[in-house]
Amino acid sequence: ADALPGVVGAVGDRLDVLFDSGIRTGDDIAKALALGARAVLLGRPYAYGLGLDGQAGVEHVVRSILAELDLTLALSGHASPATLNPSVLTEEF
């Protein structure tokens, strides 16, 4: 995630940047979008859901992650991911 703003800045509007590294929660999605990613890719969460309960497990994982994203947006005062930007993030110390 540290390199994401630099990549987004380097490619500008010429390319859509997709983020695929360590996305596990709705919070992770919000952070990646705030840092400039146009979309995120989920791999491991899908695999966990699939292994647990097949298609129903994958559907549950997707619903859960989207619910977490909705909650994160609401708690941060955003109605849409489109309004996220780096200023909504804080650094951990």
N, C-alpha and C. Protein backbone atom coordinates (compact mmCIF):
# COMPACT_ATOMS: atom_id res chain seq x y z
N ALA A 1 0.82 -1.19 0.00
CA ALA A 1 0.00 0.00 0.00
C ALA A 1 0.86 1.25 0.00
N ASP A 2 2.08 1.14 0.51
CA ASP A 2 2.94 2.32 0.56
C ASP A 2 3.26 2.86 -0.84
N ALA A 3 3.37 1.98 -1.82
CA ALA A 3 3.73 2.39 -3.17
C ALA A 3 2.53 2.87 -3.98
N LEU A 4 1.33 2.58 -3.52
CA LEU A 4 0.13 2.86 -4.32
C LEU A 4 0.00 4.33 -4.73
N PRO A 5 0.14 5.30 -3.83
CA PRO A 5 0.01 6.70 -4.27
C PRO A 5 1.02 7.08 -5.35
N GLY A 6 2.23 6.57 -5.26
CA GLY A 6 3.24 6.86 -6.27
C GLY A 6 2.89 6.27 -7.63
N VAL A 7 2.37 5.06 -7.63
CA VAL A 7 1.95 4.41 -8.88
C VAL A 7 0.80 5.19 -9.50
N VAL A 8 -0.18 5.53 -8.68
CA VAL A 8 -1.34 6.28 -9.18
C VAL A 8 -0.90 7.62 -9.75
N GLY A 9 0.02 8.29 -9.05
CA GLY A 9 0.52 9.56 -9.54
C GLY A 9 1.30 9.43 -10.84
N ALA A 10 2.05 8.36 -10.98
CA ALA A 10 2.87 8.15 -12.18
C ALA A 10 2.03 7.87 -13.41
N VAL A 11 0.95 7.11 -13.27
CA VAL A 11 0.15 6.76 -14.44
C VAL A 11 -0.97 7.75 -14.71
N GLY A 12 -1.31 8.57 -13.71
CA GLY A 12 -2.35 9.57 -13.91
C GLY A 12 -3.65 8.95 -14.37
N ASP A 13 -4.26 9.59 -15.36
CA ASP A 13 -5.53 9.11 -15.91
C ASP A 13 -5.34 8.16 -17.08
N ARG A 14 -4.08 7.83 -17.40
CA ARG A 14 -3.82 6.96 -18.56
C ARG A 14 -4.21 5.51 -18.30
N LEU A 15 -4.15 5.09 -17.03
CA LEU A 15 -4.46 3.70 -16.68
C LEU A 15 -5.28 3.66 -15.40
N ASP A 16 -6.14 2.65 -15.30
CA ASP A 16 -6.83 2.39 -14.04
C ASP A 16 -5.93 1.48 -13.21
N VAL A 17 -5.66 1.88 -11.98
CA VAL A 17 -4.81 1.09 -11.10
C VAL A 17 -5.70 0.17 -10.26
N LEU A 18 -5.40 -1.13 -10.33
CA LEU A 18 -6.10 -2.13 -9.53
C LEU A 18 -5.15 -2.56 -8.42
N PHE A 19 -5.67 -2.67 -7.21
CA PHE A 19 -4.84 -3.05 -6.07
C PHE A 19 -5.12 -4.49 -5.69
N ASP A 20 -4.06 -5.29 -5.60
CA ASP A 20 -4.22 -6.71 -5.29
C ASP A 20 -3.12 -7.16 -4.35
N SER A 21 -3.30 -6.84 -3.08
CA SER A 21 -2.29 -7.27 -2.12
C SER A 21 -2.84 -7.12 -0.71
N GLY A 22 -3.21 -8.21 -0.10
CA GLY A 22 -3.60 -8.19 1.29
C GLY A 22 -4.98 -7.66 1.59
N ILE A 23 -5.85 -7.58 0.60
CA ILE A 23 -7.22 -7.11 0.85
C ILE A 23 -7.99 -8.23 1.54
N ARG A 24 -8.39 -7.98 2.78
CA ARG A 24 -9.13 -8.98 3.55
C ARG A 24 -10.45 -8.44 4.10
N THR A 25 -10.57 -7.10 4.24
CA THR A 25 -11.74 -6.50 4.88
C THR A 25 -12.24 -5.30 4.10
N GLY A 26 -13.42 -4.85 4.48
CA GLY A 26 -13.96 -3.62 3.89
C GLY A 26 -13.09 -2.42 4.20
N ASP A 27 -12.45 -2.42 5.38
CA ASP A 27 -11.52 -1.34 5.73
C ASP A 27 -10.35 -1.31 4.74
N ASP A 28 -9.84 -2.48 4.38
CA ASP A 28 -8.74 -2.55 3.42
C ASP A 28 -9.16 -1.97 2.08
N ILE A 29 -10.38 -2.26 1.66
CA ILE A 29 -10.89 -1.72 0.39
C ILE A 29 -10.95 -0.20 0.46
N ALA A 30 -11.50 0.33 1.56
CA ALA A 30 -11.61 1.78 1.71
C ALA A 30 -10.23 2.44 1.66
N LYS A 31 -9.25 1.85 2.31
CA LYS A 31 -7.89 2.41 2.30
C LYS A 31 -7.31 2.43 0.90
N ALA A 32 -7.45 1.32 0.18
CA ALA A 32 -6.91 1.25 -1.18
C ALA A 32 -7.58 2.27 -2.09
N LEU A 33 -8.90 2.41 -1.98
CA LEU A 33 -9.61 3.38 -2.81
C LEU A 33 -9.22 4.81 -2.42
N ALA A 34 -9.04 5.07 -1.13
CA ALA A 34 -8.63 6.40 -0.68
C ALA A 34 -7.24 6.75 -1.20
N LEU A 35 -6.39 5.75 -1.38
CA LEU A 35 -5.04 5.99 -1.87
C LEU A 35 -4.97 6.05 -3.39
N GLY A 36 -6.12 5.91 -4.07
CA GLY A 36 -6.15 6.12 -5.51
C GLY A 36 -6.43 4.92 -6.38
N ALA A 37 -6.55 3.73 -5.80
CA ALA A 37 -6.89 2.56 -6.62
C ALA A 37 -8.30 2.74 -7.19
N ARG A 38 -8.50 2.28 -8.41
CA ARG A 38 -9.84 2.33 -9.02
C ARG A 38 -10.66 1.12 -8.63
N ALA A 39 -9.98 0.03 -8.25
CA ALA A 39 -10.66 -1.20 -7.85
C ALA A 39 -9.68 -2.05 -7.06
N VAL A 40 -10.20 -3.03 -6.36
CA VAL A 40 -9.36 -3.97 -5.63
C VAL A 40 -9.70 -5.38 -6.08
N LEU A 41 -8.77 -6.28 -5.90
CA LEU A 41 -8.97 -7.68 -6.25
C LEU A 41 -8.90 -8.52 -4.98
N LEU A 42 -9.80 -9.45 -4.86
CA LEU A 42 -9.84 -10.33 -3.70
C LEU A 42 -9.49 -11.74 -4.14
N GLY A 43 -8.52 -12.35 -3.51
CA GLY A 43 -8.17 -13.72 -3.84
C GLY A 43 -8.39 -14.65 -2.68
N ARG A 44 -7.62 -14.43 -1.64
CA ARG A 44 -7.66 -15.34 -0.49
C ARG A 44 -9.04 -15.40 0.17
N PRO A 45 -9.73 -14.27 0.37
CA PRO A 45 -11.07 -14.38 0.99
C PRO A 45 -12.02 -15.26 0.17
N TYR A 46 -11.96 -15.15 -1.16
CA TYR A 46 -12.78 -16.03 -2.00
C TYR A 46 -12.44 -17.49 -1.75
N ALA A 47 -11.14 -17.76 -1.71
CA ALA A 47 -10.69 -19.15 -1.51
C ALA A 47 -11.14 -19.70 -0.16
N TYR A 48 -11.07 -18.87 0.87
CA TYR A 48 -11.53 -19.31 2.19
C TYR A 48 -13.02 -19.65 2.15
N GLY A 49 -13.81 -18.75 1.55
CA GLY A 49 -15.26 -19.00 1.46
C GLY A 49 -15.57 -20.23 0.64
N LEU A 50 -14.86 -20.40 -0.46
CA LEU A 50 -15.08 -21.56 -1.32
C LEU A 50 -14.75 -22.85 -0.59
N GLY A 51 -13.64 -22.85 0.13
CA GLY A 51 -13.25 -24.04 0.86
C GLY A 51 -14.20 -24.37 2.01
N LEU A 52 -14.78 -23.34 2.58
CA LEU A 52 -15.66 -23.55 3.72
C LEU A 52 -17.04 -24.05 3.32
N ASP A 53 -17.60 -23.43 2.24
CA ASP A 53 -18.99 -23.77 1.92
C ASP A 53 -19.31 -23.59 0.44
N GLY A 54 -18.33 -23.77 -0.42
CA GLY A 54 -18.59 -23.68 -1.86
C GLY A 54 -19.11 -22.31 -2.27
N GLN A 55 -20.01 -22.29 -3.22
CA GLN A 55 -20.55 -21.03 -3.74
C GLN A 55 -21.19 -20.21 -2.63
N ALA A 56 -21.93 -20.85 -1.75
CA ALA A 56 -22.56 -20.13 -0.64
C ALA A 56 -21.51 -19.46 0.25
N GLY A 57 -20.38 -20.10 0.43
CA GLY A 57 -19.30 -19.52 1.22
C GLY A 57 -18.71 -18.29 0.56
N VAL A 58 -18.52 -18.36 -0.75
CA VAL A 58 -18.01 -17.20 -1.50
C VAL A 58 -19.00 -16.05 -1.41
N GLU A 59 -20.28 -16.35 -1.59
CA GLU A 59 -21.30 -15.30 -1.51
C GLU A 59 -21.31 -14.66 -0.13
N HIS A 60 -21.16 -15.47 0.91
CA HIS A 60 -21.13 -14.94 2.28
C HIS A 60 -19.93 -14.02 2.48
N VAL A 61 -18.77 -14.43 1.99
CA VAL A 61 -17.57 -13.61 2.12
C VAL A 61 -17.76 -12.27 1.41
N VAL A 62 -18.27 -12.29 0.19
CA VAL A 62 -18.46 -11.05 -0.56
C VAL A 62 -19.46 -10.14 0.16
N ARG A 63 -20.57 -10.71 0.61
CA ARG A 63 -21.56 -9.90 1.35
C ARG A 63 -20.94 -9.29 2.61
N SER A 64 -20.16 -10.07 3.32
CA SER A 64 -19.55 -9.59 4.56
C SER A 64 -18.56 -8.46 4.30
N ILE A 65 -17.73 -8.62 3.29
CA ILE A 65 -16.75 -7.59 2.97
C ILE A 65 -17.44 -6.31 2.50
N LEU A 66 -18.48 -6.44 1.69
CA LEU A 66 -19.22 -5.25 1.25
C LEU A 66 -19.93 -4.57 2.41
N ALA A 67 -20.45 -5.35 3.35
CA ALA A 67 -21.08 -4.77 4.54
C ALA A 67 -20.05 -4.01 5.37
N GLU A 68 -18.85 -4.57 5.50
CA GLU A 68 -17.78 -3.87 6.22
C GLU A 68 -17.41 -2.56 5.53
N LEU A 69 -17.36 -2.58 4.20
CA LEU A 69 -17.06 -1.37 3.45
C LEU A 69 -18.15 -0.33 3.68
N ASP A 70 -19.41 -0.73 3.61
CA ASP A 70 -20.52 0.20 3.87
C ASP A 70 -20.41 0.80 5.27
N LEU A 71 -20.10 -0.02 6.26
CA LEU A 71 -19.96 0.47 7.64
C LEU A 71 -18.79 1.45 7.75
N THR A 72 -17.67 1.11 7.15
CA THR A 72 -16.51 2.00 7.18
C THR A 72 -16.83 3.34 6.55
N LEU A 73 -17.52 3.31 5.40
CA LEU A 73 -17.90 4.56 4.74
C LEU A 73 -18.82 5.38 5.64
N ALA A 74 -19.83 4.74 6.21
CA ALA A 74 -20.79 5.45 7.05
C ALA A 74 -20.11 6.06 8.28
N LEU A 75 -19.25 5.30 8.93
CA LEU A 75 -18.59 5.80 10.13
C LEU A 75 -17.60 6.92 9.84
N SER A 76 -17.12 6.98 8.60
CA SER A 76 -16.20 8.05 8.23
C SER A 76 -16.91 9.21 7.54
N GLY A 77 -18.24 9.14 7.46
CA GLY A 77 -19.01 10.25 6.91
C GLY A 77 -19.07 10.30 5.40
N HIS A 78 -18.88 9.17 4.76
CA HIS A 78 -18.90 9.12 3.29
C HIS A 78 -20.06 8.26 2.82
N ALA A 79 -20.81 8.78 1.86
CA ALA A 79 -21.94 8.04 1.30
C ALA A 79 -21.52 7.13 0.16
N SER A 80 -20.33 7.38 -0.39
CA SER A 80 -19.89 6.64 -1.56
C SER A 80 -18.36 6.50 -1.53
N PRO A 81 -17.84 5.41 -2.06
CA PRO A 81 -16.39 5.28 -2.15
C PRO A 81 -15.76 6.36 -3.02
N ALA A 82 -16.54 6.95 -3.91
CA ALA A 82 -16.01 7.97 -4.82
C ALA A 82 -15.49 9.20 -4.09
N THR A 83 -15.96 9.43 -2.87
CA THR A 83 -15.54 10.62 -2.13
C THR A 83 -14.31 10.37 -1.25
N LEU A 84 -13.80 9.16 -1.25
CA LEU A 84 -12.61 8.86 -0.45
C LEU A 84 -11.37 9.47 -1.08
N ASN A 85 -10.45 9.93 -0.26
CA ASN A 85 -9.18 10.48 -0.72
C ASN A 85 -8.17 10.31 0.41
N PRO A 86 -6.90 10.56 0.16
CA PRO A 86 -5.89 10.32 1.19
C PRO A 86 -6.11 11.09 2.49
N SER A 87 -6.80 12.21 2.44
CA SER A 87 -6.99 13.01 3.65
C SER A 87 -7.86 12.31 4.69
N VAL A 88 -8.60 11.28 4.31
CA VAL A 88 -9.46 10.58 5.27
C VAL A 88 -8.68 9.54 6.08
N LEU A 89 -7.44 9.31 5.71
CA LEU A 89 -6.62 8.30 6.39
C LEU A 89 -5.75 8.95 7.46
N THR A 90 -5.45 8.20 8.51
CA THR A 90 -4.52 8.66 9.53
C THR A 90 -3.38 7.66 9.62
N GLU A 91 -2.23 8.15 10.04
CA GLU A 91 -1.07 7.27 10.19
C GLU A 91 -1.08 6.63 11.56
N GLU A 92 -0.63 5.38 11.61
CA GLU A 92 -0.45 4.71 12.90
C GLU A 92 0.93 5.04 13.42
N PHE A 93 1.02 5.21 14.70
CA PHE A 93 2.32 5.52 15.32
C PHE A 93 2.76 4.39 16.19
